[in-house]
C-alpha atoms as a PDB file:
ATOM      1  CA  MET A   1      16.415  12.417 -10.348  1.00  0.00           C
ATOM      2  CA  ALA A   2      15.577  15.880  -9.353  1.00  0.00           C
ATOM      3  CA  GLN A   3      14.009  16.869  -6.160  1.00  0.00           C
ATOM      4  CA  GLN A   4      10.993  19.015  -5.573  1.00  0.00           C
ATOM      5  CA  ALA A   5       9.799  20.802  -2.233  1.00  0.00           C
ATOM      6  CA  ILE A   6       6.197  20.343  -1.342  1.00  0.00           C
ATOM      7  CA  THR A   7       4.184  20.638   1.983  1.00  0.00           C
ATOM      8  CA  LEU A   8       1.664  18.131   3.114  1.00  0.00           C
ATOM      9  CA  LYS A   9      -0.891  18.851   5.864  1.00  0.00           C
ATOM     10  CA  ILE A  10      -1.932  15.775   7.876  1.00  0.00           C
ATOM     11  CA  ALA A  11      -4.117  16.001  10.916  1.00  0.00           C
ATOM     12  CA  GLY A  12      -3.981  19.770  10.727  1.00  0.00           C
ATOM     13  CA  LYS A  13      -0.134  19.991  10.886  1.00  0.00           C
ATOM     14  CA  SER A  14       2.176  20.951   7.873  1.00  0.00           C
ATOM     15  CA  TYR A  15       4.931  18.758   6.975  1.00  0.00           C
ATOM     16  CA  PRO A  16       7.536  20.330   4.446  1.00  0.00           C
ATOM     17  CA  LEU A  17       9.081  17.443   2.182  1.00  0.00           C
ATOM     18  CA  ASN A  18      11.657  17.027  -0.570  1.00  0.00           C
ATOM     19  CA  ILE A  19      10.457  14.493  -2.924  1.00  0.00           C
ATOM     20  CA  GLU A  20      11.477  13.196  -6.385  1.00  0.00           C
ATOM     21  CA  SER A  21      10.108  15.443  -9.139  1.00  0.00           C
ATOM     22  CA  GLY A  22       6.978  13.615 -10.754  1.00  0.00           C
ATOM     23  CA  LYS A  23       5.993  12.084  -7.473  1.00  0.00           C
ATOM     24  CA  GLU A  24       3.735  14.906  -6.135  1.00  0.00           C
ATOM     25  CA  GLU A  25       0.490  13.330  -7.188  1.00  0.00           C
ATOM     26  CA  VAL A  26       1.210  10.335  -5.365  1.00  0.00           C
ATOM     27  CA  TYR A  27       1.960  12.073  -2.163  1.00  0.00           C
ATOM     28  CA  ARG A  28      -1.113  14.274  -2.627  1.00  0.00           C
ATOM     29  CA  LEU A  29      -3.302  11.357  -2.971  1.00  0.00           C
ATOM     30  CA  ALA A  30      -1.902   9.669   0.257  1.00  0.00           C
ATOM     31  CA  GLU A  31      -2.194  12.936   1.926  1.00  0.00           C
ATOM     32  CA  ARG A  32      -6.027  13.017   1.070  1.00  0.00           C
ATOM     33  CA  GLU A  33      -6.405   9.296   2.003  1.00  0.00           C
ATOM     34  CA  VAL A  34      -4.846   9.768   5.462  1.00  0.00           C
ATOM     35  CA  ASN A  35      -6.897  12.765   6.274  1.00  0.00           C
ATOM     36  CA  ALA A  36     -10.055  11.129   5.044  1.00  0.00           C
ATOM     37  CA  TYR A  37      -9.519   8.055   7.233  1.00  0.00           C
ATOM     38  CA  LEU A  38      -8.635  10.310  10.211  1.00  0.00           C
ATOM     39  CA  ALA A  39     -11.960  12.293   9.771  1.00  0.00           C
ATOM     40  CA  GLN A  40     -13.775   8.805   9.534  1.00  0.00           C
ATOM     41  CA  ILE A  41     -12.313   7.462  12.751  1.00  0.00           C
ATOM     42  CA  LYS A  42     -12.684  10.671  14.553  1.00  0.00           C
ATOM     43  CA  GLN A  43     -16.462  10.556  14.037  1.00  0.00           C
ATOM     44  CA  ASN A  44     -16.350   7.753  16.566  1.00  0.00           C
ATOM     45  CA  ASN A  45     -15.427  10.337  19.012  1.00  0.00           C
ATOM     46  CA  PHE A  46     -13.402   8.305  21.649  1.00  0.00           C
ATOM     47  CA  ARG A  47     -13.317  10.390  24.748  1.00  0.00           C
ATOM     48  CA  SER A  48      -9.794   9.995  25.919  1.00  0.00           C
ATOM     49  CA  TRP A  49      -8.302   9.830  22.436  1.00  0.00           C
ATOM     50  CA  THR A  50      -5.666  12.600  21.229  1.00  0.00           C
ATOM     51  CA  ASP A  51      -4.840  13.396  17.756  1.00  0.00           C
ATOM     52  CA  GLN A  52      -1.821  11.079  18.147  1.00  0.00           C
ATOM     53  CA  ASP A  53      -4.066   8.313  18.965  1.00  0.00           C
ATOM     54  CA  TYR A  54      -6.026   8.745  15.769  1.00  0.00           C
ATOM     55  CA  VAL A  55      -3.043   9.032  13.781  1.00  0.00           C
ATOM     56  CA  ALA A  56      -1.610   6.024  15.267  1.00  0.00           C
ATOM     57  CA  MET A  57      -4.760   4.188  14.403  1.00  0.00           C
ATOM     58  CA  ALA A  58      -4.544   5.635  10.885  1.00  0.00           C
ATOM     59  CA  ALA A  59      -0.838   4.318  10.661  1.00  0.00           C
ATOM     60  CA  LEU A  60      -1.933   0.826  11.883  1.00  0.00           C
ATOM     61  CA  LYS A  61      -4.597   0.615   9.303  1.00  0.00           C
ATOM     62  CA  PHE A  62      -2.603   1.505   6.468  1.00  0.00           C
ATOM     63  CA  ALA A  63       0.233  -0.830   7.724  1.00  0.00           C
ATOM     64  CA  ILE A  64      -2.242  -3.786   8.078  1.00  0.00           C
ATOM     65  CA  ALA A  65      -3.276  -3.083   4.473  1.00  0.00           C
ATOM     66  CA  ASN A  66       0.308  -3.088   3.259  1.00  0.00           C
ATOM     67  CA  VAL A  67       1.103  -6.276   5.026  1.00  0.00           C
ATOM     68  CA  ALA A  68      -2.097  -7.885   3.574  1.00  0.00           C
ATOM     69  CA  LEU A  69      -1.123  -6.710   0.105  1.00  0.00           C
ATOM     70  CA  ARG A  70       2.297  -8.256   0.400  1.00  0.00           C
ATOM     71  CA  GLN A  71       0.822 -11.545   1.825  1.00  0.00           C
ATOM     72  CA  SER A  72      -1.496 -11.828  -1.174  1.00  0.00           C
ATOM     73  CA  ARG A  73       1.244 -11.136  -3.631  1.00  0.00           C
ATOM     74  CA  GLU A  74       3.515 -13.868  -2.086  1.00  0.00           C
ATOM     75  CA  VAL A  75       0.552 -16.348  -2.259  1.00  0.00           C
ATOM     76  CA  GLY A  76      -0.341 -15.328  -5.845  1.00  0.00           C
ATOM     77  CA  GLY A  77       3.557 -15.570  -6.563  1.00  0.00           C
ATOM     78  CA  GLU A  78       3.698 -19.033  -5.296  1.00  0.00           C
ATOM     79  CA  ASP A  79       0.387 -20.182  -7.166  1.00  0.00           C
ATOM     80  CA  LEU A  80       1.857 -18.624 -10.339  1.00  0.00           C
ATOM     81  CA  ARG A  81       5.047 -20.624  -9.921  1.00  0.00           C
ATOM     82  CA  LYS A  82       2.937 -23.974  -9.502  1.00  0.00           C
ATOM     83  CA  LEU A  83       1.035 -22.963 -12.562  1.00  0.00           C
ATOM     84  CA  GLU A  84       4.104 -22.289 -14.634  1.00  0.00           C
ATOM     85  CA  ALA A  85       5.569 -25.626 -13.427  1.00  0.00           C
ATOM     86  CA  LEU A  86       2.446 -27.486 -14.472  1.00  0.00           C
ATOM     87  CA  ALA A  87       2.377 -25.726 -17.940  1.00  0.00           C
ATOM     88  CA  ASP A  88       6.068 -26.888 -18.390  1.00  0.00           C
ATOM     89  CA  GLU A  89       4.967 -30.311 -17.397  1.00  0.00           C
ATOM     90  CA  ILE A  90       2.087 -30.334 -19.827  1.00  0.00           C
ATOM     91  CA  ASP A  91       4.349 -28.907 -22.615  1.00  0.00           C
ATOM     92  CA  THR A  92       6.856 -31.704 -22.097  1.00  0.00           C
ATOM     93  CA  TYR A  93       4.065 -34.188 -22.214  1.00  0.00           C
ATOM     94  CA  LEU A  94       2.647 -32.770 -25.317  1.00  0.00           C
ATOM     95  CA  ASN A  95       5.893 -32.403 -27.030  1.00  0.00           C
ATOM     96  CA  ALA A  96       7.366 -35.874 -26.080  1.00  0.00           C
ATOM     97  CA  PRO A  97       8.643 -37.749 -29.069  1.00  0.00           C
ATOM     98  CA  ASP A  98       6.744 -41.030 -28.230  1.00  0.00           C
ATOM     99  CA  ARG A  99       3.258 -39.499 -28.493  1.00  0.00           C
END
């Protein structure tokens, strides 16, 4: 797929990136979300924290959300497999010739 050059600004620093064409909106939304979260946690005004500390906490927040999402999908996937197996058993029972 074709590449497109964009620049994202996170925590006041610009980052030039080459991304797949058509993905700019996703990157821009992510940029806004990160900066909004940074602004939110900076309101706590931790005295000895640097911008790097705030960015680290933002990265941790998004990593935790990502892990939680993957875990919920795994649990949901296992539940779905059990439901499908149960549906197969019900179909087998309902379609049994001796019924």
